[in-house]
Structures are given as C-alpha cells and as structure tokens.
Amino acid sequence: MGLIVSLLTAVASLLFALTMLDQYLERRRPYQLVWTVGLLLYFTASAVEAWRGAFGTTEVAFRLWYYTGAMLVAAYLGAGTVYLLAPRRVGHIMMGVLVAVTLIGGILAFRATLSSDVVVALTSEEPLTSKNPATGESFYPGYVVAMTVLLNIYGTLALAGGALYSAVVFALRRAMPYRVVSNVLIFLGALISAAGGALDRFGFPDPHALALLVGVVVIYLGFLRSREVFQVYRIPFRHRAQPRPTSHRP
C-alpha cells in the first residue's frame, strides 16, 4: 500500500511540476519557476520513498529524502507564494535567503552524523520517517531538526496564509468566485500536507505518506480551478504561439 501511495504522489507532483513549468516558459513569472522547483522537490522525495518501497534504501537515499521532502518542499512552495503576493523586491530578498539556507541545509543533511538507530529507517518495511518510532528520537541532530521545523513553518504560513488571504480578498470583492474556490483548495491542500509532516514528526509515518498524496492533489485541483473554466486546459509543452493577426489596410 505504501509503495502505491508513494508512486501516486510522485506522479501527481511531477505532472503538477510540468504544468507549472509549462506556464513559466510561456509567462516567465518568478513564482511559477519557484513553485516548479518546489514541486520537483516534492516529486524527488516521493520517488525516493517509492524506490525504497520497491528495492530498499541506503543512507544516501534517506538523506536525499530528508533534504528534499522534510526540509525544503514547504519552504519553496511558500517562497513562490511570496513572489506572487509580495513586491518583487521582497520576493528576491526572501529567495536569496532561502537559496543560502538551501546550500547550508544540503551540507547539514548530507554531512551531519546520524544516530546509530537510523538502521531502523533503512531496514524497516514501514514508510520512511525522520524519527525512530520506538524511541521518538530524531535520526538527525537537534540543530538540523530545528532548521527543518523553521523552514516548514515559514513555508506553510506563506503558502496557506497567502491562499487564505487571496480567498478573502476575492470573496470581499464579490468577483471571480472561482478564484475563491481555487484559493480555498490551495489553503486546504497546504494544511493537509503540513499535517503529514507533523504526523511524521509525531511518529506516524503511514498517514504521513497518505497526507502528502492528498495534499498535493488538492493543491493541484486548486491551481487548475484558478481559471474560470475548470479543466486541464492543455497538455504541457504542446502549446504554440498564436500568429499575429494580419492587418488589412484599404
């Protein structure tokens, strides 16, 4: 069951990432590129989990799963929302800080000494988790956990808070009601994904994996509903530039 959930999460997040990248290539908005990165991180973590379910895992794969999924996904999705709603200069500053933290976090995630009981995560048939289910102790040192928690708080507040703010604004304006629905879905999806991370930290890896799947699907539905016509309006990378209308002068 865990393997199927992870595969579905990987497929959903990759499709979402390709759709977002397609929009970025057409419109060149910074938030679209940052969200694409966040969704590719989502895909990577889910793909590692799926690989682990099928073939087992190694310490390097565990570190990659932690770095991309537990540490960075929420922060990058939140950073995209900052670019969308805040002035461009604020987005640039926050993104610069996040890039620096990403580099530092990568060093810590791949170089920090793991506790000796990490073998539980590598050999157990249960979904990957950042804590030993038996003892409740994190496999990573406290300073790495603290950075991860702060990044997740920032990302969740930015993504969920930004979506809720947008939903309220559109509701008060009584304009484009589909945008209200869109942002409510994104808000709910962000909370569901965040709940998944919280469940992992409290030692419940099974509902954590399911929450990640439901969360990304609900966020994707919210993204698709941001247009007046609710549909997957095109296959990514298949659009063509429309020719300019020919001017007919007498």
C-alpha atoms as a PDB file:
ATOM      1  CA  MET A   1       0.000   0.000   0.000  1.00  0.00           C
ATOM      2  CA  GLY A   2       2.802   2.413   0.913  1.00  0.00           C
ATOM      3  CA  LEU A   3       4.511   1.834  -2.425  1.00  0.00           C
ATOM      4  CA  ILE A   4       1.322   2.639  -4.350  1.00  0.00           C
ATOM      5  CA  VAL A   5       0.717   5.814  -2.339  1.00  0.00           C
ATOM      6  CA  SER A   6       4.295   6.988  -2.932  1.00  0.00           C
ATOM      7  CA  LEU A   7       4.074   6.245  -6.656  1.00  0.00           C
ATOM      8  CA  LEU A   8       0.813   8.160  -6.964  1.00  0.00           C
ATOM      9  CA  THR A   9       2.322  11.084  -5.057  1.00  0.00           C
ATOM     10  CA  ALA A  10       5.363  11.090  -7.331  1.00  0.00           C
ATOM     11  CA  VAL A  11       3.214  11.018 -10.474  1.00  0.00           C
ATOM     12  CA  ALA A  12       0.873  13.764  -9.246  1.00  0.00           C
ATOM     13  CA  SER A  13       3.691  16.077  -8.151  1.00  0.00           C
ATOM     14  CA  LEU A  14       5.642  15.527 -11.390  1.00  0.00           C
ATOM     15  CA  LEU A  15       2.586  16.270 -13.535  1.00  0.00           C
ATOM     16  CA  PHE A  16       1.929  19.382 -11.460  1.00  0.00           C
ATOM     17  CA  ALA A  17       5.568  20.455 -11.844  1.00  0.00           C
ATOM     18  CA  LEU A  18       5.455  20.014 -15.627  1.00  0.00           C
ATOM     19  CA  THR A  19       2.225  22.002 -15.849  1.00  0.00           C
ATOM     20  CA  MET A  20       3.772  24.802 -13.792  1.00  0.00           C
ATOM     21  CA  LEU A  21       6.974  24.761 -15.846  1.00  0.00           C
ATOM     22  CA  ASP A  22       4.876  24.984 -18.990  1.00  0.00           C
ATOM     23  CA  GLN A  23       3.233  28.131 -17.653  1.00  0.00           C
ATOM     24  CA  TYR A  24       6.605  29.592 -16.671  1.00  0.00           C
ATOM     25  CA  LEU A  25       8.005  29.082 -20.172  1.00  0.00           C
ATOM     26  CA  GLU A  26       5.009  30.970 -21.541  1.00  0.00           C
ATOM     27  CA  ARG A  27       4.646  33.791 -18.984  1.00  0.00           C
ATOM     28  CA  ARG A  28       8.065  33.984 -17.252  1.00  0.00           C
ATOM     29  CA  ARG A  29       6.689  34.776 -13.789  1.00  0.00           C
ATOM     30  CA  PRO A  30       9.160  34.134 -10.936  1.00  0.00           C
ATOM     31  CA  TYR A  31       6.593  32.451  -8.712  1.00  0.00           C
ATOM     32  CA  GLN A  32       5.933  29.852 -11.404  1.00  0.00           C
ATOM     33  CA  LEU A  33       9.612  28.909 -11.535  1.00  0.00           C
ATOM     34  CA  VAL A  34       9.923  28.711  -7.736  1.00  0.00           C
ATOM     35  CA  TRP A  35       6.801  26.565  -7.488  1.00  0.00           C
ATOM     36  CA  THR A  36       8.221  24.321 -10.205  1.00  0.00           C
ATOM     37  CA  VAL A  37      11.337  23.799  -8.080  1.00  0.00           C
ATOM     38  CA  GLY A  38       9.202  23.086  -5.021  1.00  0.00           C
ATOM     39  CA  LEU A  39       7.111  20.531  -6.882  1.00  0.00           C
ATOM     40  CA  LEU A  40      10.200  18.825  -8.292  1.00  0.00           C
ATOM     41  CA  LEU A  41      11.456  18.528  -4.710  1.00  0.00           C
ATOM     42  CA  TYR A  42       8.060  17.031  -3.809  1.00  0.00           C
ATOM     43  CA  PHE A  43       8.480  14.556  -6.665  1.00  0.00           C
ATOM     44  CA  THR A  44      12.041  13.657  -5.676  1.00  0.00           C
ATOM     45  CA  ALA A  45      11.119  12.872  -2.075  1.00  0.00           C
ATOM     46  CA  SER A  46       8.128  10.783  -3.186  1.00  0.00           C
ATOM     47  CA  ALA A  47      10.194   8.963  -5.818  1.00  0.00           C
ATOM     48  CA  VAL A  48      12.833   8.084  -3.212  1.00  0.00           C
ATOM     49  CA  GLU A  49      10.077   6.742  -0.972  1.00  0.00           C
ATOM     50  CA  ALA A  50       8.641   4.691  -3.845  1.00  0.00           C
ATOM     51  CA  TRP A  51      12.093   3.337  -4.762  1.00  0.00           C
ATOM     52  CA  ARG A  52      12.662   2.404  -1.174  1.00  0.00           C
ATOM     53  CA  GLY A  53       9.350   0.536  -1.066  1.00  0.00           C
ATOM     54  CA  ALA A  54      10.302  -1.458  -4.145  1.00  0.00           C
ATOM     55  CA  PHE A  55      14.041  -2.009  -3.775  1.00  0.00           C
ATOM     56  CA  GLY A  56      15.053  -0.936  -0.275  1.00  0.00           C
ATOM     57  CA  THR A  57      17.126   2.109   0.565  1.00  0.00           C
ATOM     58  CA  THR A  58      20.566   3.331   1.559  1.00  0.00           C
ATOM     59  CA  GLU A  59      21.764   6.023   3.908  1.00  0.00           C
ATOM     60  CA  VAL A  60      22.373   8.383   0.968  1.00  0.00           C
ATOM     61  CA  ALA A  61      18.802   7.864  -0.261  1.00  0.00           C
ATOM     62  CA  PHE A  62      17.494   8.505   3.250  1.00  0.00           C
ATOM     63  CA  ARG A  63      19.437  11.759   3.427  1.00  0.00           C
ATOM     64  CA  LEU A  64      18.120  12.801  -0.001  1.00  0.00           C
ATOM     65  CA  TRP A  65      14.557  12.042   1.099  1.00  0.00           C
ATOM     66  CA  TYR A  66      15.003  14.153   4.234  1.00  0.00           C
ATOM     67  CA  TYR A  67      16.678  17.037   2.406  1.00  0.00           C
ATOM     68  CA  THR A  68      14.184  17.361  -0.441  1.00  0.00           C
ATOM     69  CA  GLY A  69      10.996  16.382   1.362  1.00  0.00           C
ATOM     70  CA  ALA A  70      11.214  17.076   5.061  1.00  0.00           C
ATOM     71  CA  MET A  71      13.434  20.148   4.773  1.00  0.00           C
ATOM     72  CA  LEU A  72      12.774  22.061   1.530  1.00  0.00           C
ATOM     73  CA  VAL A  73       9.405  21.363  -0.126  1.00  0.00           C
ATOM     74  CA  ALA A  74       7.230  23.596   2.036  1.00  0.00           C
ATOM     75  CA  ALA A  75       9.781  26.414   2.010  1.00  0.00           C
ATOM     76  CA  TYR A  76       9.935  26.595  -1.795  1.00  0.00           C
ATOM     77  CA  LEU A  77       6.168  26.413  -2.247  1.00  0.00           C
ATOM     78  CA  GLY A  78       5.859  29.178   0.319  1.00  0.00           C
ATOM     79  CA  ALA A  79       8.547  31.229  -1.407  1.00  0.00           C
ATOM     80  CA  GLY A  80       6.574  31.011  -4.646  1.00  0.00           C
ATOM     81  CA  THR A  81       3.563  32.464  -2.859  1.00  0.00           C
ATOM     82  CA  VAL A  82       5.701  35.322  -1.524  1.00  0.00           C
ATOM     83  CA  TYR A  83       6.723  36.116  -5.107  1.00  0.00           C
ATOM     84  CA  LEU A  84       3.074  36.029  -6.155  1.00  0.00           C
ATOM     85  CA  LEU A  85       1.694  38.325  -3.457  1.00  0.00           C
ATOM     86  CA  ALA A  86       4.570  40.487  -2.211  1.00  0.00           C
ATOM     87  CA  PRO A  87       6.530  43.158  -4.082  1.00  0.00           C
ATOM     88  CA  ARG A  88       9.180  41.717  -6.389  1.00  0.00           C
ATOM     89  CA  ARG A  89      11.997  43.136  -4.250  1.00  0.00           C
ATOM     90  CA  VAL A  90      10.693  41.308  -1.161  1.00  0.00           C
ATOM     91  CA  GLY A  91      10.483  38.096  -3.164  1.00  0.00           C
ATOM     92  CA  HIS A  92      14.081  38.500  -4.318  1.00  0.00           C
ATOM     93  CA  ILE A  93      15.316  39.068  -0.766  1.00  0.00           C
ATOM     94  CA  MET A  94      13.437  36.094   0.652  1.00  0.00           C
ATOM     95  CA  MET A  95      14.588  33.917  -2.237  1.00  0.00           C
ATOM     96  CA  GLY A  96      18.201  34.931  -1.682  1.00  0.00           C
ATOM     97  CA  VAL A  97      17.936  33.925   1.964  1.00  0.00           C
ATOM     98  CA  LEU A  98      16.264  30.635   1.011  1.00  0.00           C
ATOM     99  CA  VAL A  99      18.988  29.784  -1.514  1.00  0.00           C
ATOM    100  CA  ALA A 100      21.639  30.361   1.158  1.00  0.00           C
ATOM    101  CA  VAL A 101      19.713  28.225   3.640  1.00  0.00           C
ATOM    102  CA  THR A 102      19.282  25.549   0.953  1.00  0.00           C
ATOM    103  CA  LEU A 103      23.037  25.323   0.492  1.00  0.00           C
ATOM    104  CA  ILE A 104      23.672  25.191   4.237  1.00  0.00           C
ATOM    105  CA  GLY A 105      20.876  22.681   4.671  1.00  0.00           C
ATOM    106  CA  GLY A 106      22.347  20.476   1.970  1.00  0.00           C
ATOM    107  CA  ILE A 107      25.685  20.376   3.758  1.00  0.00           C
ATOM    108  CA  LEU A 108      23.976  19.519   7.033  1.00  0.00           C
ATOM    109  CA  ALA A 109      21.599  16.954   5.545  1.00  0.00           C
ATOM    110  CA  PHE A 110      24.391  15.031   3.832  1.00  0.00           C
ATOM    111  CA  ARG A 111      27.224  15.559   6.302  1.00  0.00           C
ATOM    112  CA  ALA A 112      25.616  15.555   9.765  1.00  0.00           C
ATOM    113  CA  THR A 113      26.163  12.422  11.823  1.00  0.00           C
ATOM    114  CA  LEU A 114      23.001  10.340  12.066  1.00  0.00           C
ATOM    115  CA  SER A 115      22.115   8.492  15.227  1.00  0.00           C
ATOM    116  CA  SER A 116      23.114   4.848  15.280  1.00  0.00           C
ATOM    117  CA  ASP A 117      19.484   3.692  15.277  1.00  0.00           C
ATOM    118  CA  VAL A 118      18.970   5.093  11.761  1.00  0.00           C
ATOM    119  CA  VAL A 119      19.243   1.463  10.711  1.00  0.00           C
ATOM    120  CA  VAL A 120      15.570   1.273  11.735  1.00  0.00           C
ATOM    121  CA  ALA A 121      14.635   3.615   8.884  1.00  0.00           C
ATOM    122  CA  LEU A 122      16.846   1.758   6.424  1.00  0.00           C
ATOM    123  CA  THR A 123      15.631  -1.742   7.172  1.00  0.00           C
ATOM    124  CA  SER A 124      12.040  -1.298   8.312  1.00  0.00           C
ATOM    125  CA  GLU A 125       9.211  -2.127   5.920  1.00  0.00           C
ATOM    126  CA  GLU A 126       7.285   0.921   7.167  1.00  0.00           C
ATOM    127  CA  PRO A 127       7.369   4.237   5.197  1.00  0.00           C
ATOM    128  CA  LEU A 128      10.415   6.431   5.715  1.00  0.00           C
ATOM    129  CA  THR A 129      10.285   8.571   8.813  1.00  0.00           C
ATOM    130  CA  SER A 130      12.603  11.142  10.361  1.00  0.00           C
ATOM    131  CA  LYS A 131      12.248   9.641  13.846  1.00  0.00           C
ATOM    132  CA  ASN A 132      12.705   6.254  15.435  1.00  0.00           C
ATOM    133  CA  PRO A 133       9.107   5.106  16.035  1.00  0.00           C
ATOM    134  CA  ALA A 134      10.182   3.131  19.109  1.00  0.00           C
ATOM    135  CA  THR A 135      12.016   5.927  20.936  1.00  0.00           C
ATOM    136  CA  GLY A 136      10.629   9.090  19.336  1.00  0.00           C
ATOM    137  CA  GLU A 137      14.171  10.369  18.831  1.00  0.00           C
ATOM    138  CA  SER A 138      15.128  12.070  15.569  1.00  0.00           C
ATOM    139  CA  PHE A 139      17.788  10.433  13.432  1.00  0.00           C
ATOM    140  CA  TYR A 140      19.304  13.881  12.804  1.00  0.00           C
ATOM    141  CA  PRO A 141      20.961  16.161  15.375  1.00  0.00           C
ATOM    142  CA  GLY A 142      18.795  18.800  17.032  1.00  0.00           C
ATOM    143  CA  TYR A 143      20.198  21.736  15.050  1.00  0.00           C
ATOM    144  CA  VAL A 144      19.217  20.074  11.763  1.00  0.00           C
ATOM    145  CA  VAL A 145      15.738  19.364  13.108  1.00  0.00           C
ATOM    146  CA  ALA A 146      15.409  22.981  14.259  1.00  0.00           C
ATOM    147  CA  MET A 147      16.281  24.277  10.771  1.00  0.00           C
ATOM    148  CA  THR A 148      13.787  21.855   9.229  1.00  0.00           C
ATOM    149  CA  VAL A 149      10.996  22.963  11.568  1.00  0.00           C
ATOM    150  CA  LEU A 150      11.641  26.653  10.877  1.00  0.00           C
ATOM    151  CA  LEU A 151      11.638  26.096   7.108  1.00  0.00           C
ATOM    152  CA  ASN A 152       8.364  24.191   7.325  1.00  0.00           C
ATOM    153  CA  ILE A 153       6.732  26.859   9.490  1.00  0.00           C
ATOM    154  CA  TYR A 154       7.792  29.568   7.032  1.00  0.00           C
ATOM    155  CA  GLY A 155       6.631  27.601   4.009  1.00  0.00           C
ATOM    156  CA  THR A 156       3.277  26.581   5.486  1.00  0.00           C
ATOM    157  CA  LEU A 157       2.467  30.077   6.753  1.00  0.00           C
ATOM    158  CA  ALA A 158       3.372  31.610   3.390  1.00  0.00           C
ATOM    159  CA  LEU A 159       1.522  29.072   1.229  1.00  0.00           C
ATOM    160  CA  ALA A 160      -1.570  28.532   3.392  1.00  0.00           C
ATOM    161  CA  GLY A 161      -1.682  32.112   4.653  1.00  0.00           C
ATOM    162  CA  GLY A 162      -1.268  33.542   1.166  1.00  0.00           C
ATOM    163  CA  ALA A 163      -4.042  31.331  -0.202  1.00  0.00           C
ATOM    164  CA  LEU A 164      -6.385  32.240   2.648  1.00  0.00           C
ATOM    165  CA  TYR A 165      -5.637  35.942   2.209  1.00  0.00           C
ATOM    166  CA  SER A 166      -6.351  35.736  -1.529  1.00  0.00           C
ATOM    167  CA  ALA A 167      -9.594  33.831  -0.922  1.00  0.00           C
ATOM    168  CA  VAL A 168     -10.811  36.510   1.490  1.00  0.00           C
ATOM    169  CA  VAL A 169      -9.851  39.328  -0.885  1.00  0.00           C
ATOM    170  CA  PHE A 170     -11.714  37.788  -3.816  1.00  0.00           C
ATOM    171  CA  ALA A 171     -14.717  36.986  -1.610  1.00  0.00           C
ATOM    172  CA  LEU A 172     -14.957  40.562  -0.338  1.00  0.00           C
ATOM    173  CA  ARG A 173     -14.719  41.906  -3.878  1.00  0.00           C
ATOM    174  CA  ARG A 174     -17.502  39.540  -4.975  1.00  0.00           C
ATOM    175  CA  ALA A 175     -15.510  38.998  -8.165  1.00  0.00           C
ATOM    176  CA  MET A 176     -14.274  35.831  -9.825  1.00  0.00           C
ATOM    177  CA  PRO A 177     -15.835  33.346  -7.368  1.00  0.00           C
ATOM    178  CA  TYR A 178     -13.817  30.540  -8.951  1.00  0.00           C
ATOM    179  CA  ARG A 179     -10.716  32.231  -7.533  1.00  0.00           C
ATOM    180  CA  VAL A 180     -12.207  31.919  -4.060  1.00  0.00           C
ATOM    181  CA  VAL A 181     -12.703  28.179  -4.601  1.00  0.00           C
ATOM    182  CA  SER A 182      -9.183  27.904  -6.056  1.00  0.00           C
ATOM    183  CA  ASN A 183      -7.501  29.535  -3.087  1.00  0.00           C
ATOM    184  CA  VAL A 184      -9.597  27.635  -0.556  1.00  0.00           C
ATOM    185  CA  LEU A 185      -8.459  24.379  -2.165  1.00  0.00           C
ATOM    186  CA  ILE A 186      -4.811  25.505  -2.104  1.00  0.00           C
ATOM    187  CA  PHE A 187      -5.231  26.510   1.548  1.00  0.00           C
ATOM    188  CA  LEU A 188      -6.704  23.120   2.462  1.00  0.00           C
ATOM    189  CA  GLY A 189      -4.069  21.238   0.465  1.00  0.00           C
ATOM    190  CA  ALA A 190      -1.288  23.138   2.213  1.00  0.00           C
ATOM    191  CA  LEU A 191      -2.751  22.295   5.627  1.00  0.00           C
ATOM    192  CA  ILE A 192      -3.129  18.625   4.704  1.00  0.00           C
ATOM    193  CA  SER A 193       0.490  18.415   3.513  1.00  0.00           C
ATOM    194  CA  ALA A 194       1.678  20.224   6.640  1.00  0.00           C
ATOM    195  CA  ALA A 195      -0.337  17.806   8.773  1.00  0.00           C
ATOM    196  CA  GLY A 196       1.525  14.992   7.030  1.00  0.00           C
ATOM    197  CA  GLY A 197       4.841  16.448   8.131  1.00  0.00           C
ATOM    198  CA  ALA A 198       3.543  16.857  11.668  1.00  0.00           C
ATOM    199  CA  LEU A 199       2.361  13.242  11.727  1.00  0.00           C
ATOM    200  CA  ASP A 200       5.837  12.103  10.698  1.00  0.00           C
ATOM    201  CA  ARG A 201       7.414  14.104  13.491  1.00  0.00           C
ATOM    202  CA  PHE A 202       4.983  12.522  15.963  1.00  0.00           C
ATOM    203  CA  GLY A 203       5.895   9.038  14.745  1.00  0.00           C
ATOM    204  CA  PHE A 204       3.006   8.188  12.399  1.00  0.00           C
ATOM    205  CA  PRO A 205       4.630   7.513   9.005  1.00  0.00           C
ATOM    206  CA  ASP A 206       1.663   5.762   7.356  1.00  0.00           C
ATOM    207  CA  PRO A 207      -0.851   8.645   7.495  1.00  0.00           C
ATOM    208  CA  HIS A 208       2.056  10.983   6.711  1.00  0.00           C
ATOM    209  CA  ALA A 209       2.507   9.410   3.266  1.00  0.00           C
ATOM    210  CA  LEU A 210      -1.231   9.496   2.538  1.00  0.00           C
ATOM    211  CA  ALA A 211      -1.490  13.133   3.651  1.00  0.00           C
ATOM    212  CA  LEU A 212       1.264  14.110   1.222  1.00  0.00           C
ATOM    213  CA  LEU A 213      -0.660  12.496  -1.646  1.00  0.00           C
ATOM    214  CA  VAL A 214      -3.984  14.097  -0.745  1.00  0.00           C
ATOM    215  CA  GLY A 215      -2.295  17.442  -0.110  1.00  0.00           C
ATOM    216  CA  VAL A 216      -0.569  17.744  -3.480  1.00  0.00           C
ATOM    217  CA  VAL A 217      -3.696  16.569  -5.338  1.00  0.00           C
ATOM    218  CA  VAL A 218      -5.887  19.155  -3.595  1.00  0.00           C
ATOM    219  CA  ILE A 219      -3.342  21.930  -4.271  1.00  0.00           C
ATOM    220  CA  TYR A 220      -3.214  20.858  -7.930  1.00  0.00           C
ATOM    221  CA  LEU A 221      -7.008  20.985  -8.153  1.00  0.00           C
ATOM    222  CA  GLY A 222      -6.873  24.470  -6.666  1.00  0.00           C
ATOM    223  CA  PHE A 223      -4.324  25.518  -9.263  1.00  0.00           C
ATOM    224  CA  LEU A 224      -6.479  24.144 -12.091  1.00  0.00           C
ATOM    225  CA  ARG A 225      -9.543  25.895 -10.651  1.00  0.00           C
ATOM    226  CA  SER A 226      -7.772  29.262 -10.823  1.00  0.00           C
ATOM    227  CA  ARG A 227      -9.232  29.628 -14.316  1.00  0.00           C
ATOM    228  CA  GLU A 228     -12.871  30.322 -14.991  1.00  0.00           C
ATOM    229  CA  VAL A 229     -13.275  27.051 -16.895  1.00  0.00           C
ATOM    230  CA  PHE A 230     -12.306  24.119 -14.680  1.00  0.00           C
ATOM    231  CA  GLN A 231     -10.309  21.841 -16.908  1.00  0.00           C
ATOM    232  CA  VAL A 232      -6.815  20.666 -17.707  1.00  0.00           C
ATOM    233  CA  TYR A 233      -6.722  23.163 -20.495  1.00  0.00           C
ATOM    234  CA  ARG A 234      -3.777  21.755 -22.421  1.00  0.00           C
ATOM    235  CA  ILE A 235      -1.079  19.129 -22.372  1.00  0.00           C
ATOM    236  CA  PRO A 236       2.167  20.702 -21.098  1.00  0.00           C
ATOM    237  CA  PHE A 237       4.655  21.838 -23.758  1.00  0.00           C
ATOM    238  CA  ARG A 238       2.175  21.320 -26.608  1.00  0.00           C
ATOM    239  CA  HIS A 239       1.024  24.910 -26.946  1.00  0.00           C
ATOM    240  CA  ARG A 240       2.051  27.011 -29.893  1.00  0.00           C
ATOM    241  CA  ALA A 241       2.384  30.718 -30.198  1.00  0.00           C
ATOM    242  CA  GLN A 242      -0.625  32.212 -31.925  1.00  0.00           C
ATOM    243  CA  PRO A 243       0.157  34.111 -35.142  1.00  0.00           C
ATOM    244  CA  ARG A 244      -0.384  37.834 -35.035  1.00  0.00           C
ATOM    245  CA  PRO A 245      -3.498  38.988 -36.837  1.00  0.00           C
ATOM    246  CA  THR A 246      -2.806  40.309 -40.308  1.00  0.00           C
ATOM    247  CA  SER A 247      -3.622  43.939 -40.780  1.00  0.00           C
ATOM    248  CA  HIS A 248      -5.758  44.604 -43.864  1.00  0.00           C
ATOM    249  CA  ARG A 249      -5.417  48.172 -44.987  1.00  0.00           C
ATOM    250  CA  PRO A 250      -7.512  49.614 -47.758  1.00  0.00           C
END
